[in-house]
Amino acid sequence: MAASVEVVVGSIGRAHGIRGDVAIDVRTDEPERRFAPGAVLRIEGTQRCLTVEAPRWHSGRFLVHFAELSDRTAVEQARGQVLVVDVDPDELPEEEDEYYDRQLVGLMALRADGSEAGPVVEVVHLPAQDMLCIRTEAGERLVPFVSELVPRVDLAAGTVSLADLPGLLDDDEAEVAE
């Protein structure tokens, strides 16, 4: 069996109330799955584990009660800690058009003409959208990870296809407004 892969699922935010509930800064598309009752999460860089007792949404915030954080003081001490889970490297997202970062990093980005633009070196998660960081000959470029600009992801071939849009990757390709 292959070794597991560490996946970031969130970070511990502010305390909510006095009984140990905590707001979670969610960093997964599957919070109900990753924070299901009984799920065991690990604090990144440590062996300390937290067991989910009661997850819930409240006023647009995701709140979790962990068995090991029994009061507000314990939550405040854990604030800012990054939560990770170990997953099987063959595990796939639930939705067909979703990808884990580890699936995208290392894929070769292809221009519309089929030429290689460079490898995907990182997936950057921004509030508005995710971006693929592609290392081109001119340096690293960010491309919004939306179907209009990245119309095809072929995991079997190890490629992502980019739309034919001047300036998408290289500054010198950008059209100059007259």
N, C-alpha and C. Protein backbone atom coordinates (compact mmCIF):
# COMPACT_ATOMS: atom_id res chain seq x y z
N MET A 1 0.85 -1.19 0.00
CA MET A 1 0.00 0.00 0.00
C MET A 1 0.89 1.24 0.00
N ALA A 2 0.50 2.23 -0.78
CA ALA A 2 1.27 3.47 -0.88
C ALA A 2 1.13 4.28 0.40
N ALA A 3 2.15 5.08 0.68
CA ALA A 3 2.11 5.95 1.86
C ALA A 3 1.00 6.97 1.71
N SER A 4 0.48 7.43 2.84
CA SER A 4 -0.59 8.43 2.79
C SER A 4 -0.03 9.80 2.46
N VAL A 5 -0.92 10.69 2.06
CA VAL A 5 -0.57 12.06 1.70
C VAL A 5 -1.24 12.99 2.70
N GLU A 6 -0.48 13.96 3.20
CA GLU A 6 -1.02 14.93 4.15
C GLU A 6 -1.77 16.02 3.39
N VAL A 7 -3.02 16.26 3.77
CA VAL A 7 -3.87 17.26 3.11
C VAL A 7 -4.35 18.27 4.15
N VAL A 8 -4.16 19.55 3.86
CA VAL A 8 -4.66 20.62 4.74
C VAL A 8 -6.17 20.74 4.55
N VAL A 9 -6.92 20.74 5.66
CA VAL A 9 -8.38 20.84 5.57
C VAL A 9 -8.93 22.10 6.23
N GLY A 10 -8.10 22.80 7.01
CA GLY A 10 -8.57 24.02 7.64
C GLY A 10 -7.61 24.49 8.71
N SER A 11 -8.00 25.57 9.36
CA SER A 11 -7.22 26.05 10.50
C SER A 11 -8.18 26.51 11.59
N ILE A 12 -7.68 26.47 12.80
CA ILE A 12 -8.50 26.81 13.97
C ILE A 12 -8.59 28.32 14.10
N GLY A 13 -9.82 28.81 14.15
CA GLY A 13 -10.05 30.25 14.28
C GLY A 13 -10.46 30.62 15.69
N ARG A 14 -11.36 31.59 15.77
CA ARG A 14 -11.80 32.12 17.06
C ARG A 14 -12.72 31.16 17.80
N ALA A 15 -12.70 31.31 19.10
CA ALA A 15 -13.62 30.55 19.95
C ALA A 15 -15.04 31.07 19.72
N HIS A 16 -16.01 30.18 19.84
CA HIS A 16 -17.42 30.54 19.73
C HIS A 16 -18.10 30.04 21.00
N GLY A 17 -18.42 30.96 21.89
CA GLY A 17 -19.03 30.57 23.16
C GLY A 17 -17.96 30.16 24.16
N ILE A 18 -18.43 29.54 25.26
CA ILE A 18 -17.50 29.20 26.35
C ILE A 18 -17.27 27.70 26.49
N ARG A 19 -17.92 26.89 25.67
CA ARG A 19 -17.84 25.43 25.84
C ARG A 19 -16.87 24.75 24.88
N GLY A 20 -16.04 25.51 24.19
CA GLY A 20 -15.02 24.89 23.35
C GLY A 20 -15.34 24.80 21.88
N ASP A 21 -16.45 25.38 21.44
CA ASP A 21 -16.72 25.41 20.00
C ASP A 21 -15.74 26.37 19.34
N VAL A 22 -15.36 26.07 18.11
CA VAL A 22 -14.37 26.88 17.42
C VAL A 22 -14.80 27.11 15.97
N ALA A 23 -14.55 28.33 15.49
CA ALA A 23 -14.78 28.63 14.08
C ALA A 23 -13.60 28.07 13.30
N ILE A 24 -13.89 27.43 12.19
CA ILE A 24 -12.85 26.83 11.35
C ILE A 24 -12.72 27.62 10.06
N ASP A 25 -11.49 27.96 9.70
CA ASP A 25 -11.19 28.53 8.39
C ASP A 25 -11.05 27.32 7.47
N VAL A 26 -12.11 27.01 6.74
CA VAL A 26 -12.18 25.80 5.92
C VAL A 26 -11.28 25.93 4.70
N ARG A 27 -10.48 24.91 4.44
CA ARG A 27 -9.60 24.88 3.26
C ARG A 27 -9.81 23.59 2.48
N THR A 28 -11.04 23.12 2.47
CA THR A 28 -11.39 21.93 1.71
C THR A 28 -12.74 22.15 1.07
N ASP A 29 -12.95 21.53 -0.08
CA ASP A 29 -14.25 21.60 -0.73
C ASP A 29 -15.23 20.61 -0.12
N GLU A 30 -14.75 19.79 0.81
CA GLU A 30 -15.56 18.75 1.40
C GLU A 30 -15.59 18.83 2.94
N PRO A 31 -16.04 19.97 3.49
CA PRO A 31 -16.00 20.10 4.95
C PRO A 31 -16.86 19.08 5.68
N GLU A 32 -18.01 18.73 5.13
CA GLU A 32 -18.88 17.76 5.80
C GLU A 32 -18.22 16.39 5.86
N ARG A 33 -17.39 16.09 4.88
CA ARG A 33 -16.69 14.80 4.84
C ARG A 33 -15.47 14.82 5.78
N ARG A 34 -14.67 15.86 5.70
CA ARG A 34 -13.43 15.92 6.48
C ARG A 34 -13.67 16.19 7.96
N PHE A 35 -14.78 16.90 8.27
CA PHE A 35 -15.10 17.24 9.66
C PHE A 35 -16.32 16.46 10.16
N ALA A 36 -16.51 15.26 9.66
CA ALA A 36 -17.64 14.43 10.10
C ALA A 36 -17.42 14.01 11.56
N PRO A 37 -18.51 13.83 12.32
CA PRO A 37 -18.35 13.38 13.70
C PRO A 37 -17.49 12.11 13.77
N GLY A 38 -16.51 12.13 14.65
CA GLY A 38 -15.60 11.00 14.79
C GLY A 38 -14.32 11.12 13.98
N ALA A 39 -14.28 12.07 13.04
CA ALA A 39 -13.07 12.25 12.23
C ALA A 39 -11.92 12.71 13.13
N VAL A 40 -10.75 12.20 12.85
CA VAL A 40 -9.56 12.57 13.62
C VAL A 40 -8.65 13.40 12.73
N LEU A 41 -8.39 14.63 13.16
CA LEU A 41 -7.53 15.56 12.43
C LEU A 41 -6.25 15.74 13.23
N ARG A 42 -5.18 16.06 12.52
CA ARG A 42 -3.91 16.27 13.20
C ARG A 42 -3.50 17.72 13.03
N ILE A 43 -2.84 18.26 14.04
CA ILE A 43 -2.29 19.62 13.94
C ILE A 43 -0.98 19.50 13.17
N GLU A 44 -0.88 20.28 12.10
CA GLU A 44 0.26 20.20 11.19
C GLU A 44 1.58 20.35 11.95
N GLY A 45 2.52 19.49 11.60
CA GLY A 45 3.85 19.54 12.21
C GLY A 45 3.95 18.90 13.57
N THR A 46 2.86 18.30 14.04
CA THR A 46 2.87 17.65 15.35
C THR A 46 2.20 16.29 15.24
N GLN A 47 2.18 15.58 16.33
CA GLN A 47 1.44 14.32 16.41
C GLN A 47 0.14 14.51 17.19
N ARG A 48 -0.16 15.75 17.59
CA ARG A 48 -1.37 16.03 18.37
C ARG A 48 -2.60 15.89 17.47
N CYS A 49 -3.55 15.12 17.93
CA CYS A 49 -4.77 14.87 17.16
C CYS A 49 -5.98 15.48 17.86
N LEU A 50 -6.96 15.86 17.06
CA LEU A 50 -8.23 16.38 17.55
C LEU A 50 -9.35 15.56 16.94
N THR A 51 -10.30 15.17 17.77
CA THR A 51 -11.42 14.36 17.32
C THR A 51 -12.67 15.23 17.20
N VAL A 52 -13.28 15.22 16.03
CA VAL A 52 -14.49 16.01 15.78
C VAL A 52 -15.65 15.38 16.53
N GLU A 53 -16.32 16.20 17.35
CA GLU A 53 -17.52 15.72 18.04
C GLU A 53 -18.79 16.25 17.38
N ALA A 54 -18.82 17.56 17.10
CA ALA A 54 -20.06 18.15 16.58
C ALA A 54 -19.75 19.30 15.62
N PRO A 55 -19.86 19.05 14.32
CA PRO A 55 -19.70 20.14 13.35
C PRO A 55 -21.06 20.76 13.02
N ARG A 56 -21.07 22.06 12.70
CA ARG A 56 -22.33 22.70 12.29
C ARG A 56 -22.03 24.03 11.62
N TRP A 57 -22.95 24.46 10.80
CA TRP A 57 -22.87 25.78 10.19
C TRP A 57 -23.71 26.72 11.04
N HIS A 58 -23.20 27.93 11.29
CA HIS A 58 -23.92 28.92 12.08
C HIS A 58 -23.62 30.30 11.50
N SER A 59 -24.64 30.95 10.97
CA SER A 59 -24.51 32.31 10.41
C SER A 59 -23.37 32.39 9.40
N GLY A 60 -23.27 31.38 8.54
CA GLY A 60 -22.26 31.39 7.49
C GLY A 60 -20.87 30.96 7.93
N ARG A 61 -20.72 30.60 9.19
CA ARG A 61 -19.42 30.15 9.70
C ARG A 61 -19.51 28.67 10.03
N PHE A 62 -18.40 27.97 9.81
CA PHE A 62 -18.34 26.55 10.12
C PHE A 62 -17.77 26.39 11.52
N LEU A 63 -18.58 25.84 12.42
CA LEU A 63 -18.18 25.66 13.81
C LEU A 63 -17.99 24.17 14.10
N VAL A 64 -16.98 23.88 14.89
CA VAL A 64 -16.70 22.49 15.26
C VAL A 64 -16.40 22.44 16.75
N HIS A 65 -16.89 21.38 17.38
CA HIS A 65 -16.50 21.09 18.76
C HIS A 65 -15.61 19.86 18.71
N PHE A 66 -14.37 20.00 19.21
CA PHE A 66 -13.43 18.90 19.29
C PHE A 66 -13.43 18.33 20.70
N ALA A 67 -13.32 17.02 20.82
CA ALA A 67 -13.31 16.35 22.13
C ALA A 67 -12.19 16.88 23.02
N GLU A 68 -11.06 17.19 22.42
CA GLU A 68 -9.88 17.59 23.20
C GLU A 68 -9.87 19.07 23.58
N LEU A 69 -10.78 19.86 23.02
CA LEU A 69 -10.85 21.30 23.35
C LEU A 69 -12.16 21.54 24.10
N SER A 70 -12.09 21.45 25.42
CA SER A 70 -13.31 21.44 26.21
C SER A 70 -13.80 22.81 26.67
N ASP A 71 -12.97 23.85 26.49
CA ASP A 71 -13.41 25.18 26.92
C ASP A 71 -12.75 26.26 26.06
N ARG A 72 -13.19 27.48 26.27
CA ARG A 72 -12.71 28.62 25.49
C ARG A 72 -11.20 28.80 25.60
N THR A 73 -10.64 28.58 26.78
CA THR A 73 -9.20 28.74 26.99
C THR A 73 -8.41 27.76 26.11
N ALA A 74 -8.86 26.52 26.05
CA ALA A 74 -8.19 25.51 25.22
C ALA A 74 -8.25 25.89 23.74
N VAL A 75 -9.40 26.43 23.31
CA VAL A 75 -9.54 26.86 21.92
C VAL A 75 -8.59 28.01 21.62
N GLU A 76 -8.53 29.00 22.51
CA GLU A 76 -7.65 30.15 22.28
C GLU A 76 -6.19 29.72 22.19
N GLN A 77 -5.79 28.71 22.94
CA GLN A 77 -4.42 28.22 22.88
C GLN A 77 -4.13 27.51 21.55
N ALA A 78 -5.16 26.95 20.94
CA ALA A 78 -4.99 26.23 19.67
C ALA A 78 -5.22 27.13 18.45
N ARG A 79 -5.66 28.35 18.67
CA ARG A 79 -5.99 29.26 17.57
C ARG A 79 -4.83 29.43 16.60
N GLY A 80 -5.15 29.38 15.31
CA GLY A 80 -4.16 29.55 14.26
C GLY A 80 -3.50 28.26 13.81
N GLN A 81 -3.71 27.18 14.52
CA GLN A 81 -3.10 25.91 14.15
C GLN A 81 -3.75 25.37 12.87
N VAL A 82 -2.93 24.82 12.00
CA VAL A 82 -3.40 24.25 10.74
C VAL A 82 -3.77 22.79 10.96
N LEU A 83 -4.93 22.39 10.44
CA LEU A 83 -5.43 21.03 10.60
C LEU A 83 -5.20 20.23 9.32
N VAL A 84 -4.69 19.01 9.48
CA VAL A 84 -4.42 18.15 8.33
C VAL A 84 -5.02 16.77 8.56
N VAL A 85 -5.23 16.06 7.45
CA VAL A 85 -5.62 14.65 7.50
C VAL A 85 -4.68 13.90 6.58
N ASP A 86 -4.48 12.64 6.88
CA ASP A 86 -3.70 11.77 6.00
C ASP A 86 -4.69 10.99 5.15
N VAL A 87 -4.53 11.09 3.83
CA VAL A 87 -5.44 10.41 2.91
C VAL A 87 -4.66 9.48 2.00
N ASP A 88 -5.35 8.50 1.48
CA ASP A 88 -4.77 7.59 0.51
C ASP A 88 -4.46 8.38 -0.76
N PRO A 89 -3.26 8.25 -1.33
CA PRO A 89 -2.92 9.02 -2.52
C PRO A 89 -3.81 8.71 -3.72
N ASP A 90 -4.48 7.57 -3.71
CA ASP A 90 -5.38 7.22 -4.82
C ASP A 90 -6.79 7.76 -4.62
N GLU A 91 -7.06 8.35 -3.46
CA GLU A 91 -8.40 8.90 -3.20
C GLU A 91 -8.67 10.06 -4.15
N LEU A 92 -9.87 10.10 -4.67
CA LEU A 92 -10.28 11.15 -5.60
C LEU A 92 -11.40 11.98 -4.99
N PRO A 93 -11.53 13.24 -5.42
CA PRO A 93 -12.65 14.07 -4.95
C PRO A 93 -13.98 13.45 -5.36
N GLU A 94 -15.03 13.84 -4.66
CA GLU A 94 -16.35 13.29 -4.92
C GLU A 94 -16.91 13.73 -6.27
N GLU A 95 -16.63 14.96 -6.70
CA GLU A 95 -17.16 15.48 -7.96
C GLU A 95 -16.19 15.20 -9.10
N GLU A 96 -16.73 14.93 -10.29
CA GLU A 96 -15.92 14.57 -11.45
C GLU A 96 -14.96 15.67 -11.89
N ASP A 97 -15.38 16.93 -11.82
CA ASP A 97 -14.55 18.03 -12.31
C ASP A 97 -13.77 18.73 -11.19
N GLU A 98 -13.56 18.05 -10.07
CA GLU A 98 -12.76 18.58 -8.97
C GLU A 98 -11.45 17.83 -8.90
N TYR A 99 -10.42 18.53 -8.42
CA TYR A 99 -9.09 17.93 -8.33
C TYR A 99 -8.44 18.34 -7.02
N TYR A 100 -7.64 17.45 -6.48
CA TYR A 100 -6.80 17.80 -5.35
C TYR A 100 -5.56 18.49 -5.90
N ASP A 101 -4.99 19.37 -5.10
CA ASP A 101 -3.77 20.07 -5.51
C ASP A 101 -2.71 19.09 -5.97
N ARG A 102 -2.56 18.00 -5.23
CA ARG A 102 -1.50 17.03 -5.54
C ARG A 102 -1.69 16.39 -6.91
N GLN A 103 -2.92 16.38 -7.43
CA GLN A 103 -3.17 15.84 -8.76
C GLN A 103 -2.74 16.81 -9.85
N LEU A 104 -2.80 18.10 -9.56
CA LEU A 104 -2.50 19.13 -10.56
C LEU A 104 -1.03 19.52 -10.59
N VAL A 105 -0.40 19.55 -9.42
CA VAL A 105 1.02 19.93 -9.37
C VAL A 105 1.84 18.88 -10.10
N GLY A 106 2.65 19.35 -11.03
CA GLY A 106 3.48 18.46 -11.83
C GLY A 106 2.94 18.22 -13.23
N LEU A 107 1.67 18.56 -13.47
CA LEU A 107 1.13 18.41 -14.82
C LEU A 107 1.78 19.43 -15.74
N MET A 108 1.94 19.08 -17.01
CA MET A 108 2.50 20.00 -18.00
C MET A 108 1.37 20.83 -18.60
N ALA A 109 1.54 22.15 -18.56
CA ALA A 109 0.56 23.05 -19.17
C ALA A 109 0.88 23.17 -20.65
N LEU A 110 -0.13 22.96 -21.48
CA LEU A 110 0.03 23.04 -22.93
C LEU A 110 -0.69 24.26 -23.47
N ARG A 111 -0.01 24.99 -24.35
CA ARG A 111 -0.65 26.11 -25.04
C ARG A 111 -1.67 25.55 -26.03
N ALA A 112 -2.50 26.42 -26.58
CA ALA A 112 -3.54 26.00 -27.52
C ALA A 112 -2.94 25.32 -28.75
N ASP A 113 -1.71 25.70 -29.13
CA ASP A 113 -1.07 25.09 -30.30
C ASP A 113 -0.40 23.75 -29.97
N GLY A 114 -0.49 23.32 -28.72
CA GLY A 114 0.08 22.04 -28.30
C GLY A 114 1.49 22.13 -27.74
N SER A 115 2.12 23.30 -27.83
CA SER A 115 3.48 23.44 -27.30
C SER A 115 3.44 23.51 -25.77
N GLU A 116 4.54 23.09 -25.16
CA GLU A 116 4.61 23.08 -23.71
C GLU A 116 4.87 24.48 -23.17
N ALA A 117 4.04 24.91 -22.23
CA ALA A 117 4.23 26.21 -21.58
C ALA A 117 5.10 26.06 -20.34
N GLY A 118 4.97 24.93 -19.65
CA GLY A 118 5.73 24.67 -18.43
C GLY A 118 4.89 23.89 -17.45
N PRO A 119 5.51 23.42 -16.39
CA PRO A 119 4.78 22.61 -15.41
C PRO A 119 3.97 23.46 -14.43
N VAL A 120 2.89 22.87 -13.94
CA VAL A 120 2.15 23.47 -12.83
C VAL A 120 2.97 23.19 -11.58
N VAL A 121 3.38 24.26 -10.88
CA VAL A 121 4.24 24.09 -9.71
C VAL A 121 3.50 24.30 -8.39
N GLU A 122 2.30 24.89 -8.47
CA GLU A 122 1.54 25.16 -7.25
C GLU A 122 0.11 25.50 -7.62
N VAL A 123 -0.80 25.24 -6.70
CA VAL A 123 -2.17 25.71 -6.81
C VAL A 123 -2.35 26.74 -5.71
N VAL A 124 -2.70 27.97 -6.11
CA VAL A 124 -2.85 29.07 -5.17
C VAL A 124 -4.35 29.27 -4.93
N HIS A 125 -4.76 29.22 -3.67
CA HIS A 125 -6.17 29.36 -3.32
C HIS A 125 -6.43 30.79 -2.87
N LEU A 126 -7.16 31.53 -3.68
CA LEU A 126 -7.52 32.90 -3.36
C LEU A 126 -9.02 32.96 -3.07
N PRO A 127 -9.48 34.01 -2.41
CA PRO A 127 -10.91 34.09 -2.08
C PRO A 127 -11.84 34.00 -3.30
N ALA A 128 -11.46 34.63 -4.40
CA ALA A 128 -12.33 34.65 -5.57
C ALA A 128 -12.25 33.37 -6.38
N GLN A 129 -11.06 32.80 -6.52
CA GLN A 129 -10.89 31.59 -7.33
C GLN A 129 -9.51 30.99 -7.09
N ASP A 130 -9.36 29.77 -7.55
CA ASP A 130 -8.05 29.11 -7.48
C ASP A 130 -7.24 29.48 -8.71
N MET A 131 -5.93 29.51 -8.54
CA MET A 131 -5.02 29.86 -9.63
C MET A 131 -3.99 28.74 -9.77
N LEU A 132 -3.64 28.42 -11.03
CA LEU A 132 -2.53 27.52 -11.29
C LEU A 132 -1.28 28.35 -11.45
N CYS A 133 -0.23 28.02 -10.75
CA CYS A 133 1.06 28.68 -10.91
C CYS A 133 1.87 27.82 -11.87
N ILE A 134 2.16 28.39 -13.04
CA ILE A 134 2.86 27.67 -14.10
C ILE A 134 4.24 28.29 -14.27
N ARG A 135 5.28 27.44 -14.24
CA ARG A 135 6.65 27.92 -14.42
C ARG A 135 6.98 27.91 -15.91
N THR A 136 7.01 29.11 -16.50
CA THR A 136 7.35 29.25 -17.92
C THR A 136 8.81 29.69 -18.03
N GLU A 137 9.30 29.78 -19.25
CA GLU A 137 10.67 30.26 -19.46
C GLU A 137 10.82 31.69 -18.97
N ALA A 138 9.74 32.46 -19.01
CA ALA A 138 9.77 33.86 -18.59
C ALA A 138 9.57 34.03 -17.08
N GLY A 139 9.31 32.93 -16.37
CA GLY A 139 9.07 33.00 -14.94
C GLY A 139 7.74 32.36 -14.58
N GLU A 140 7.37 32.46 -13.33
CA GLU A 140 6.11 31.86 -12.89
C GLU A 140 4.94 32.77 -13.24
N ARG A 141 3.88 32.18 -13.76
CA ARG A 141 2.68 32.91 -14.16
C ARG A 141 1.47 32.27 -13.49
N LEU A 142 0.53 33.10 -13.05
CA LEU A 142 -0.71 32.62 -12.45
C LEU A 142 -1.81 32.62 -13.50
N VAL A 143 -2.51 31.50 -13.60
CA VAL A 143 -3.62 31.35 -14.54
C VAL A 143 -4.85 30.97 -13.73
N PRO A 144 -5.93 31.74 -13.84
CA PRO A 144 -7.16 31.37 -13.13
C PRO A 144 -7.61 29.96 -13.54
N PHE A 145 -7.89 29.13 -12.55
CA PHE A 145 -8.29 27.75 -12.82
C PHE A 145 -9.79 27.69 -13.03
N VAL A 146 -10.21 28.17 -14.20
CA VAL A 146 -11.62 28.16 -14.61
C VAL A 146 -11.68 27.51 -15.99
N SER A 147 -12.81 26.91 -16.31
CA SER A 147 -12.92 26.14 -17.55
C SER A 147 -12.70 26.97 -18.81
N GLU A 148 -12.97 28.27 -18.75
CA GLU A 148 -12.76 29.11 -19.92
C GLU A 148 -11.28 29.26 -20.26
N LEU A 149 -10.41 29.22 -19.24
CA LEU A 149 -8.97 29.40 -19.45
C LEU A 149 -8.20 28.08 -19.38
N VAL A 150 -8.74 27.12 -18.66
CA VAL A 150 -8.13 25.78 -18.58
C VAL A 150 -9.24 24.79 -18.95
N PRO A 151 -9.50 24.65 -20.27
CA PRO A 151 -10.64 23.86 -20.70
C PRO A 151 -10.50 22.35 -20.51
N ARG A 152 -9.26 21.86 -20.32
CA ARG A 152 -9.09 20.41 -20.22
C ARG A 152 -8.00 20.05 -19.23
N VAL A 153 -8.32 19.09 -18.38
CA VAL A 153 -7.34 18.50 -17.48
C VAL A 153 -7.31 17.01 -17.82
N ASP A 154 -6.14 16.52 -18.21
CA ASP A 154 -5.99 15.11 -18.58
C ASP A 154 -4.97 14.48 -17.64
N LEU A 155 -5.46 13.90 -16.55
CA LEU A 155 -4.56 13.32 -15.56
C LEU A 155 -3.76 12.16 -16.15
N ALA A 156 -4.40 11.36 -17.00
CA ALA A 156 -3.72 10.20 -17.59
C ALA A 156 -2.54 10.63 -18.46
N ALA A 157 -2.72 11.73 -19.20
CA ALA A 157 -1.65 12.23 -20.07
C ALA A 157 -0.69 13.14 -19.31
N GLY A 158 -1.10 13.58 -18.12
CA GLY A 158 -0.25 14.46 -17.33
C GLY A 158 -0.21 15.88 -17.84
N THR A 159 -1.36 16.35 -18.38
CA THR A 159 -1.39 17.69 -18.96
C THR A 159 -2.63 18.48 -18.56
N VAL A 160 -2.50 19.80 -18.65
CA VAL A 160 -3.63 20.72 -18.61
C VAL A 160 -3.53 21.55 -19.88
N SER A 161 -4.65 21.77 -20.53
CA SER A 161 -4.68 22.57 -21.76
C SER A 161 -5.12 23.98 -21.43
N LEU A 162 -4.43 24.95 -22.02
CA LEU A 162 -4.74 26.36 -21.80
C LEU A 162 -5.47 26.93 -23.00
N ALA A 163 -6.33 27.90 -22.75
CA ALA A 163 -7.07 28.56 -23.82
C ALA A 163 -6.13 29.43 -24.65
N ASP A 164 -6.55 29.69 -25.88
CA ASP A 164 -5.79 30.55 -26.79
C ASP A 164 -6.16 32.00 -26.48
N LEU A 165 -5.44 32.59 -25.54
CA LEU A 165 -5.73 33.96 -25.11
C LEU A 165 -4.42 34.72 -25.02
N PRO A 166 -4.22 35.71 -25.89
CA PRO A 166 -2.97 36.49 -25.85
C PRO A 166 -2.74 37.09 -24.46
N GLY A 167 -1.49 36.97 -24.01
CA GLY A 167 -1.13 37.55 -22.72
C GLY A 167 -1.41 36.66 -21.52
N LEU A 168 -1.99 35.49 -21.75
CA LEU A 168 -2.33 34.61 -20.64
C LEU A 168 -1.09 34.19 -19.85
N LEU A 169 0.01 33.94 -20.55
CA LEU A 169 1.22 33.48 -19.88
C LEU A 169 2.38 34.46 -19.93
N ASP A 170 2.55 35.11 -21.05
CA ASP A 170 3.74 35.94 -21.24
C ASP A 170 3.37 37.40 -21.39
N ASP A 171 4.11 38.27 -20.70
CA ASP A 171 3.85 39.70 -20.78
C ASP A 171 3.97 40.22 -22.20
N ASP A 172 4.91 39.68 -22.98
CA ASP A 172 5.12 40.19 -24.34
C ASP A 172 4.04 39.73 -25.31
N GLU A 173 3.18 38.79 -24.92
CA GLU A 173 2.09 38.36 -25.77
C GLU A 173 0.85 39.24 -25.61
N ALA A 174 0.81 40.03 -24.57
CA ALA A 174 -0.38 40.83 -24.28
C ALA A 174 -0.63 41.84 -25.39
N GLU A 175 -1.88 41.98 -25.74
CA GLU A 175 -2.23 42.98 -26.74
C GLU A 175 -2.14 44.36 -26.11
N VAL A 176 -1.56 45.29 -26.83
CA VAL A 176 -1.42 46.65 -26.33
C VAL A 176 -2.63 47.46 -26.79
N ALA A 177 -3.30 48.10 -25.85
CA ALA A 177 -4.46 48.93 -26.19
C ALA A 177 -3.98 50.19 -26.89
N GLU A 178 -4.64 50.52 -28.00
CA GLU A 178 -4.23 51.72 -28.74
C GLU A 178 -5.12 52.88 -28.42
